[in-house]
Amino acid sequence: MMKKIGIGFVGCGASQSMYGPALRYLDEGQAVAWVDVELQKAQDASTRYGGKAFTDYDEFLKCPGLDAVVIVSPPWLHLTQADAAAKAGKHVLCEKPMGRTVDECRQMIEAVEGRGKILMIGFMKRFSPWFLKIKTMIDSGELGEVFHVSVDWSWPQYALSGWRDKRENLGGLFFDHGSHTIDLCRWWLGEIETAYADVRILLEGREVEDFTQAIYKHQSGAISTHYNSRMTHRPLREAYLIEGSKATVTIECVGKWSFISPEPFVIRKYVQNQEQPIAIDIPWSWDLDEYVKSTWMYLGSLRHFCEAMISEKQPALCTGNDGLKSVEAINAAYISAWKKQVITLPLNETYEPEKIFESFAVESPKIPISR
């Protein structure tokens, strides 16, 4: 029997709800270590999923049986943690966004891949049967020529939310969730050629954006529009509209967080104003184990990571370059909003994120925090 790959998790907050449920079904790997600045969080994860608990990152990297790390920490830590892991001979699965700037992403690729280690980025939505269905429909020609994808990912949050609102992040809501939607649109529509955006910091006290409307033109000729807001009054909504010459498809998750909800996305196909059924290859069963094994996106991500390590080849999906391209598109949106002009990709100019966010903070109207 093949030895299971030993995986360590960096950050024990959201990682438990994201990757924890996948571990019981991961035949190729197992948790051997958890590290967090708060010992109780690491101990909680260790108790639930096995492995040792640490608060010191260097000691964590020395844990016996540790082959790879999954980095689920704030973005400003990603590069230094990935670099240290690769130096210690570990493979790296880094959560999105990969880095704060294109330069940080390039440095991570060099630090990990340059040392002969596997680097994968946590774009787990590519392993969702619903988003994979969209990819299949586009590639097969079922939708005809796809000319537009529209994304709405918004929810009301009229209060501050810790490190995600801090300037050190060099990005806010669009940086966090736009990294997913941009990756999906690149996967579906091809590379991005130009970016145009409006970016704002609306809530009093926030240091990074909480509202973005970005428009990207892809090499295929298609346009993708991305609306991200924490300043709406509607319930949580993640929705996609894919428009083609032969059919239109909608896919949405409303009122719950799709990344940890076992409930399916609602997906619909329309042809000439008539709704048509869509067949998705999922074993609909009352057996929850079978359902989770087929639909849990983080399980698919971990399996792909493990398969790359076993084959000793860089992953076919969610590569370091995919992570870089997503961050590049986000940074292009920030530059576009700052300069108030269309930005051409790839980015060749240097840019100063701190200066850009200072201008957003000054120019945006302020909405008071809910009391």
Protein backbone atom coordinates (compact mmCIF):
# COMPACT_ATOMS: atom_id res chain seq x y z
CA MET A 1 0.00 0.00 0.00
CA MET A 2 1.34 3.41 -0.96
CA LYS A 3 2.37 5.68 1.90
CA LYS A 4 -0.02 8.57 2.38
CA ILE A 5 1.34 12.04 1.72
CA GLY A 6 1.79 14.00 4.95
CA ILE A 7 0.08 17.39 4.75
CA GLY A 8 0.41 20.33 7.13
CA PHE A 9 -2.02 23.24 7.30
CA VAL A 10 -0.90 26.82 7.90
CA GLY A 11 -3.72 28.72 9.58
CA CYS A 12 -6.39 26.86 11.52
CA GLY A 13 -9.43 29.11 11.20
CA ALA A 14 -11.29 28.76 7.90
CA SER A 15 -9.05 25.88 6.85
CA GLN A 16 -10.92 23.55 9.20
CA SER A 17 -14.28 24.14 7.51
CA MET A 18 -12.71 24.18 4.04
CA TYR A 19 -10.25 21.30 4.02
CA GLY A 20 -11.25 19.45 7.19
CA PRO A 21 -14.29 17.62 5.76
CA ALA A 22 -12.18 16.48 2.78
CA LEU A 23 -9.56 14.70 4.87
CA ARG A 24 -11.70 11.68 5.75
CA TYR A 25 -12.10 10.95 2.02
CA LEU A 26 -8.55 11.73 0.89
CA ASP A 27 -7.02 8.33 0.13
CA GLU A 28 -3.75 9.83 -1.08
CA GLY A 29 -2.92 12.02 1.93
CA GLN A 30 -3.47 12.78 5.60
CA ALA A 31 -3.07 15.68 8.03
CA VAL A 32 0.13 15.41 10.07
CA ALA A 33 0.47 18.98 11.38
CA TRP A 34 -1.41 22.22 12.00
CA VAL A 35 0.09 25.62 12.85
CA ASP A 36 -1.55 28.83 14.02
CA VAL A 37 -0.51 31.82 16.11
CA GLU A 38 -3.37 30.83 18.44
CA LEU A 39 -2.50 27.49 20.01
CA GLN A 40 -6.13 26.64 20.79
CA LYS A 41 -7.07 26.76 17.10
CA ALA A 42 -4.21 24.45 16.17
CA GLN A 43 -5.12 22.07 18.99
CA ASP A 44 -8.78 22.06 17.95
CA ALA A 45 -7.80 21.13 14.39
CA SER A 46 -5.41 18.46 15.66
CA THR A 47 -8.15 16.92 17.81
CA ARG A 48 -10.67 16.87 14.98
CA TYR A 49 -8.48 15.75 12.09
CA GLY A 50 -5.29 14.28 13.53
CA GLY A 51 -1.71 15.50 13.41
CA LYS A 52 0.36 17.65 15.77
CA ALA A 53 -0.38 21.23 16.81
CA PHE A 54 2.20 24.03 16.54
CA THR A 55 2.43 27.80 17.03
CA ASP A 56 5.97 28.15 15.63
CA TYR A 57 6.20 27.90 11.84
CA ASP A 58 9.81 26.75 11.75
CA GLU A 59 9.08 23.92 14.20
CA PHE A 60 5.99 23.02 12.18
CA LEU A 61 8.15 22.58 9.07
CA LYS A 62 10.35 20.12 10.98
CA CYS A 63 7.39 17.88 11.85
CA PRO A 64 8.19 14.21 11.03
CA GLY A 65 6.29 12.93 7.99
CA LEU A 66 5.49 16.39 6.64
CA ASP A 67 5.70 16.35 2.82
CA ALA A 68 3.58 19.35 1.83
CA VAL A 69 1.93 22.45 3.25
CA VAL A 70 -1.42 24.08 2.55
CA ILE A 71 -1.16 27.81 3.23
CA VAL A 72 -4.43 29.31 4.50
CA SER A 73 -3.11 32.50 6.08
CA PRO A 74 -3.49 36.23 5.26
CA PRO A 75 -2.09 37.08 1.81
CA TRP A 76 0.80 39.21 3.10
CA LEU A 77 2.27 36.04 4.65
CA HIS A 78 1.95 33.79 1.59
CA LEU A 79 5.30 34.53 -0.06
CA THR A 80 7.46 34.22 3.06
CA GLN A 81 5.67 31.06 4.21
CA ALA A 82 5.86 29.42 0.77
CA ASP A 83 9.55 30.33 0.48
CA ALA A 84 10.34 28.83 3.89
CA ALA A 85 8.36 25.68 3.08
CA ALA A 86 10.19 25.14 -0.21
CA LYS A 87 13.54 25.73 1.49
CA ALA A 88 12.55 22.98 3.93
CA GLY A 89 11.84 20.66 0.98
CA LYS A 90 8.03 20.84 1.15
CA HIS A 91 5.53 21.12 -1.71
CA VAL A 92 3.06 24.04 -1.53
CA LEU A 93 -0.67 24.48 -2.07
CA CYS A 94 -1.29 28.20 -1.49
CA GLU A 95 -4.75 29.62 -1.02
CA LYS A 96 -5.87 32.47 -3.23
CA PRO A 97 -5.07 35.24 -3.69
CA MET A 98 -1.57 33.90 -4.35
CA GLY A 99 0.25 37.14 -3.52
CA ARG A 100 -0.47 40.82 -3.21
CA THR A 101 1.34 41.87 -6.39
CA VAL A 102 2.56 40.31 -9.61
CA ASP A 103 6.12 40.57 -8.31
CA GLU A 104 5.25 38.58 -5.18
CA CYS A 105 3.66 35.90 -7.36
CA ARG A 106 6.75 35.69 -9.54
CA GLN A 107 8.94 35.38 -6.46
CA MET A 108 6.77 32.52 -5.14
CA ILE A 109 7.00 30.63 -8.43
CA GLU A 110 10.77 30.96 -8.37
CA ALA A 111 10.97 30.04 -4.68
CA VAL A 112 8.88 26.87 -5.01
CA GLU A 113 9.09 25.64 -8.61
CA GLY A 114 12.67 26.90 -8.83
CA ARG A 115 13.57 24.45 -6.08
CA GLY A 116 11.88 21.58 -7.92
CA LYS A 117 8.78 21.55 -5.69
CA ILE A 118 5.10 21.41 -6.64
CA LEU A 119 3.21 24.71 -6.51
CA MET A 120 -0.57 24.80 -6.75
CA ILE A 121 -3.06 27.61 -6.04
CA GLY A 122 -6.36 27.05 -4.21
CA PHE A 123 -8.83 27.71 -7.03
CA MET A 124 -11.08 24.94 -5.74
CA LYS A 125 -14.06 26.09 -7.84
CA ARG A 126 -12.49 24.38 -10.85
CA PHE A 127 -13.28 21.09 -9.09
CA SER A 128 -16.96 21.90 -8.59
CA PRO A 129 -19.21 19.72 -10.78
CA TRP A 130 -21.34 22.78 -11.53
CA PHE A 131 -18.51 25.01 -12.73
CA LEU A 132 -16.93 22.07 -14.54
CA LYS A 133 -20.27 21.59 -16.32
CA ILE A 134 -20.07 25.18 -17.59
CA LYS A 135 -16.54 24.52 -18.86
CA THR A 136 -17.72 21.38 -20.68
CA MET A 137 -20.70 23.18 -22.24
CA ILE A 138 -18.46 25.99 -23.52
CA ASP A 139 -15.72 23.72 -24.86
CA SER A 140 -18.18 21.37 -26.59
CA GLY A 141 -19.87 24.25 -28.42
CA GLU A 142 -23.21 23.60 -26.72
CA LEU A 143 -23.57 27.31 -25.90
CA GLY A 144 -22.28 28.48 -29.28
CA GLU A 145 -19.97 31.48 -29.26
CA VAL A 146 -19.83 32.73 -25.68
CA PHE A 147 -19.65 36.52 -25.78
CA HIS A 148 -20.41 37.56 -22.20
CA VAL A 149 -20.10 36.33 -18.63
CA SER A 150 -21.50 38.40 -15.79
CA VAL A 151 -20.69 37.79 -12.12
CA ASP A 152 -22.50 39.12 -9.04
CA TRP A 153 -20.89 38.24 -5.70
CA SER A 154 -22.24 40.49 -2.99
CA TRP A 155 -23.56 40.57 0.55
CA PRO A 156 -24.30 43.20 3.26
CA GLN A 157 -21.48 43.81 5.75
CA TYR A 158 -21.77 47.22 7.34
CA ALA A 159 -19.14 46.43 9.96
CA LEU A 160 -15.37 45.92 10.00
CA SER A 161 -14.03 42.38 9.75
CA GLY A 162 -10.47 42.17 11.05
CA TRP A 163 -7.41 41.71 8.83
CA ARG A 164 -9.44 41.59 5.62
CA ASP A 165 -10.12 45.31 6.03
CA LYS A 166 -6.49 46.31 6.59
CA ARG A 167 -4.20 48.12 4.14
CA GLU A 168 -1.43 45.56 4.74
CA ASN A 169 -3.52 43.18 2.64
CA LEU A 170 -3.17 45.51 -0.39
CA GLY A 171 -6.62 44.43 -1.47
CA GLY A 172 -10.12 43.91 -0.14
CA LEU A 173 -13.26 42.20 -1.37
CA PHE A 174 -12.29 42.06 -5.05
CA PHE A 175 -8.82 40.84 -4.14
CA ASP A 176 -10.37 38.05 -2.07
CA HIS A 177 -13.38 36.90 -4.10
CA GLY A 178 -12.53 38.42 -7.47
CA SER A 179 -9.53 36.09 -7.60
CA HIS A 180 -12.01 33.21 -7.91
CA THR A 181 -14.29 34.81 -10.49
CA ILE A 182 -11.37 35.98 -12.62
CA ASP A 183 -9.86 32.50 -12.57
CA LEU A 184 -13.16 30.96 -13.65
CA CYS A 185 -13.55 33.46 -16.50
CA ARG A 186 -9.96 32.88 -17.66
CA TRP A 187 -10.67 29.14 -17.58
CA TRP A 188 -13.89 29.55 -19.55
CA LEU A 189 -13.00 32.40 -21.92
CA GLY A 190 -9.20 32.51 -22.22
CA GLU A 191 -6.60 35.12 -21.31
CA ILE A 192 -7.48 38.71 -20.49
CA GLU A 193 -6.40 41.52 -22.81
CA THR A 194 -7.73 44.68 -21.17
CA ALA A 195 -9.21 45.82 -17.86
CA TYR A 196 -11.42 48.76 -16.90
CA ALA A 197 -12.79 49.21 -13.39
CA ASP A 198 -14.31 51.39 -10.69
CA VAL A 199 -13.00 50.57 -7.22
CA ARG A 200 -14.17 52.20 -3.98
CA ILE A 201 -13.72 52.11 -0.23
CA LEU A 202 -17.18 53.00 1.05
CA LEU A 203 -17.45 51.96 4.71
CA GLU A 204 -15.96 54.31 7.26
CA GLY A 205 -12.81 52.77 8.74
CA ARG A 206 -12.08 50.29 5.95
CA GLU A 207 -8.62 50.60 4.40
CA VAL A 208 -9.25 48.45 1.29
CA GLU A 209 -12.03 48.20 -1.26
CA ASP A 210 -15.55 46.97 -0.50
CA PHE A 211 -17.06 47.77 -3.92
CA THR A 212 -15.74 46.94 -7.39
CA GLN A 213 -17.19 46.86 -10.87
CA ALA A 214 -14.61 45.49 -13.31
CA ILE A 215 -14.86 44.80 -17.04
CA TYR A 216 -12.38 42.51 -18.79
CA LYS A 217 -11.98 41.79 -22.49
CA HIS A 218 -10.65 38.30 -23.20
CA GLN A 219 -8.58 37.13 -26.16
CA SER A 220 -11.60 35.16 -27.38
CA GLY A 221 -13.43 38.46 -27.85
CA ALA A 222 -15.75 37.75 -24.92
CA ILE A 223 -16.36 40.25 -22.13
CA SER A 224 -16.56 39.34 -18.44
CA THR A 225 -18.03 41.77 -15.91
CA HIS A 226 -17.42 41.35 -12.18
CA TYR A 227 -19.57 43.06 -9.54
CA ASN A 228 -18.32 42.59 -5.99
CA SER A 229 -19.87 44.46 -3.07
CA ARG A 230 -20.17 44.27 0.69
CA MET A 231 -22.36 47.37 0.65
CA THR A 232 -25.57 45.92 -0.76
CA HIS A 233 -28.66 45.31 1.37
CA ARG A 234 -29.61 42.06 -0.38
CA PRO A 235 -28.81 38.64 1.11
CA LEU A 236 -25.55 36.91 0.21
CA ARG A 237 -25.49 36.13 -3.50
CA GLU A 238 -23.03 34.39 -5.82
CA ALA A 239 -24.41 34.32 -9.36
CA TYR A 240 -23.06 33.83 -12.88
CA LEU A 241 -24.69 34.56 -16.23
CA ILE A 242 -23.06 32.90 -19.25
CA GLU A 243 -24.38 34.10 -22.61
CA GLY A 244 -23.71 32.30 -25.88
CA SER A 245 -25.08 32.45 -29.41
CA LYS A 246 -26.91 29.12 -28.95
CA ALA A 247 -27.89 29.23 -25.28
CA THR A 248 -27.72 31.15 -21.99
CA VAL A 249 -26.86 29.50 -18.69
CA THR A 250 -27.29 30.84 -15.16
CA ILE A 251 -25.70 29.39 -12.05
CA GLU A 252 -26.25 30.76 -8.57
CA CYS A 253 -26.00 30.18 -4.84
CA VAL A 254 -28.12 32.53 -2.71
CA GLY A 255 -28.29 32.93 1.06
CA LYS A 256 -25.35 30.66 1.92
CA TRP A 257 -21.61 30.44 1.45
CA SER A 258 -21.00 28.15 -1.51
CA PHE A 259 -17.50 27.18 -0.40
CA ILE A 260 -18.74 25.29 2.68
CA SER A 261 -22.35 24.53 1.76
CA PRO A 262 -23.12 20.95 0.68
CA GLU A 263 -26.20 22.21 -1.18
CA PRO A 264 -25.88 22.38 -4.98
CA PHE A 265 -25.76 25.51 -7.08
CA VAL A 266 -28.97 26.17 -9.00
CA ILE A 267 -28.08 25.90 -12.69
CA ARG A 268 -30.44 26.65 -15.59
CA LYS A 269 -30.12 26.64 -19.37
CA TYR A 270 -32.28 28.71 -21.73
CA VAL A 271 -32.70 28.43 -25.52
CA GLN A 272 -34.99 30.83 -27.38
CA ASN A 273 -36.75 31.88 -24.15
CA GLN A 274 -37.39 28.27 -23.11
CA GLU A 275 -35.75 26.57 -20.13
CA GLN A 276 -34.10 23.24 -20.92
CA PRO A 277 -32.90 20.52 -18.53
CA ILE A 278 -29.21 20.15 -17.71
CA ALA A 279 -27.69 16.78 -16.85
CA ILE A 280 -24.82 16.83 -14.34
CA ASP A 281 -22.97 13.61 -13.55
CA ILE A 282 -23.40 13.55 -9.77
CA PRO A 283 -24.48 10.43 -7.86
CA TRP A 284 -27.64 11.84 -6.31
CA SER A 285 -27.93 9.68 -3.26
CA TRP A 286 -29.21 9.72 0.28
CA ASP A 287 -25.71 8.57 1.19
CA LEU A 288 -24.10 11.83 2.31
CA ASP A 289 -20.61 10.33 2.09
CA GLU A 290 -21.03 9.56 -1.60
CA TYR A 291 -22.45 13.00 -2.27
CA VAL A 292 -19.64 14.83 -0.46
CA LYS A 293 -16.98 12.76 -2.23
CA SER A 294 -18.42 13.89 -5.57
CA THR A 295 -19.06 17.55 -4.82
CA TRP A 296 -16.71 18.86 -2.10
CA MET A 297 -14.48 21.26 -4.01
CA TYR A 298 -11.62 21.18 -1.52
CA LEU A 299 -11.42 17.40 -1.78
CA GLY A 300 -10.95 17.72 -5.54
CA SER A 301 -8.28 20.35 -4.96
CA LEU A 302 -6.37 18.21 -2.44
CA ARG A 303 -6.56 15.16 -4.70
CA HIS A 304 -5.17 17.10 -7.64
CA PHE A 305 -2.35 18.39 -5.41
CA CYS A 306 -1.53 14.89 -4.20
CA GLU A 307 -1.66 13.47 -7.73
CA ALA A 308 0.85 16.11 -8.85
CA MET A 309 3.21 15.10 -6.04
CA ILE A 310 2.83 11.41 -6.84
CA SER A 311 3.54 12.00 -10.54
CA GLU A 312 6.31 14.48 -9.68
CA LYS A 313 4.90 16.97 -12.19
CA GLN A 314 3.47 20.45 -11.76
CA PRO A 315 -0.37 20.36 -11.58
CA ALA A 316 -2.40 20.53 -14.78
CA LEU A 317 -4.90 22.88 -13.11
CA CYS A 318 -4.53 25.81 -10.71
CA THR A 319 -0.87 26.43 -11.47
CA GLY A 320 1.38 29.15 -10.15
CA ASN A 321 0.89 30.96 -13.45
CA ASP A 322 -2.90 30.80 -12.95
CA GLY A 323 -2.44 32.41 -9.55
CA LEU A 324 -0.21 35.11 -11.03
CA LYS A 325 -2.66 35.87 -13.86
CA SER A 326 -5.53 36.32 -11.40
CA VAL A 327 -3.54 38.74 -9.23
CA GLU A 328 -2.37 40.56 -12.36
CA ALA A 329 -5.97 41.11 -13.48
CA ILE A 330 -6.95 42.38 -10.03
CA ASN A 331 -3.98 44.75 -9.88
CA ALA A 332 -4.89 45.94 -13.40
CA ALA A 333 -8.38 46.79 -12.12
CA TYR A 334 -6.89 48.81 -9.25
CA ILE A 335 -4.59 50.69 -11.66
CA SER A 336 -7.49 51.30 -14.05
CA ALA A 337 -9.66 52.79 -11.30
CA TRP A 338 -6.75 54.90 -10.09
CA LYS A 339 -5.79 56.22 -13.53
CA LYS A 340 -9.38 56.18 -14.84
CA GLN A 341 -8.35 54.48 -18.07
CA VAL A 342 -8.29 51.10 -19.80
CA ILE A 343 -5.26 48.99 -18.83
CA THR A 344 -3.66 46.50 -21.20
CA LEU A 345 -2.37 43.16 -19.92
CA PRO A 346 0.15 41.76 -19.22
CA LEU A 347 1.25 44.49 -16.82
CA ASN A 348 4.66 45.81 -17.74
CA GLU A 349 4.69 48.96 -15.65
CA THR A 350 5.61 49.22 -12.00
CA TYR A 351 2.87 50.35 -9.66
CA GLU A 352 2.59 51.42 -6.03
CA PRO A 353 -0.37 49.70 -4.32
CA GLU A 354 -0.10 51.84 -1.19
CA LYS A 355 -0.39 55.03 -3.23
CA ILE A 356 -3.35 53.61 -5.17
CA PHE A 357 -5.28 52.69 -2.02
CA GLU A 358 -4.55 56.06 -0.44
CA SER A 359 -6.29 57.66 -3.43
CA PHE A 360 -9.28 55.30 -3.12
CA ALA A 361 -9.61 56.20 0.57
CA VAL A 362 -9.64 59.92 -0.21
CA GLU A 363 -11.90 59.84 -3.28
CA SER A 364 -14.64 57.45 -2.08
CA PRO A 365 -17.68 58.69 -0.16
CA LYS A 366 -17.93 57.31 3.37
CA ILE A 367 -20.81 55.31 4.83
CA PRO A 368 -20.90 55.10 8.64
CA ILE A 369 -20.48 51.77 10.41
CA SER A 370 -23.73 50.24 11.67
CA ARG A 371 -24.12 50.68 15.42
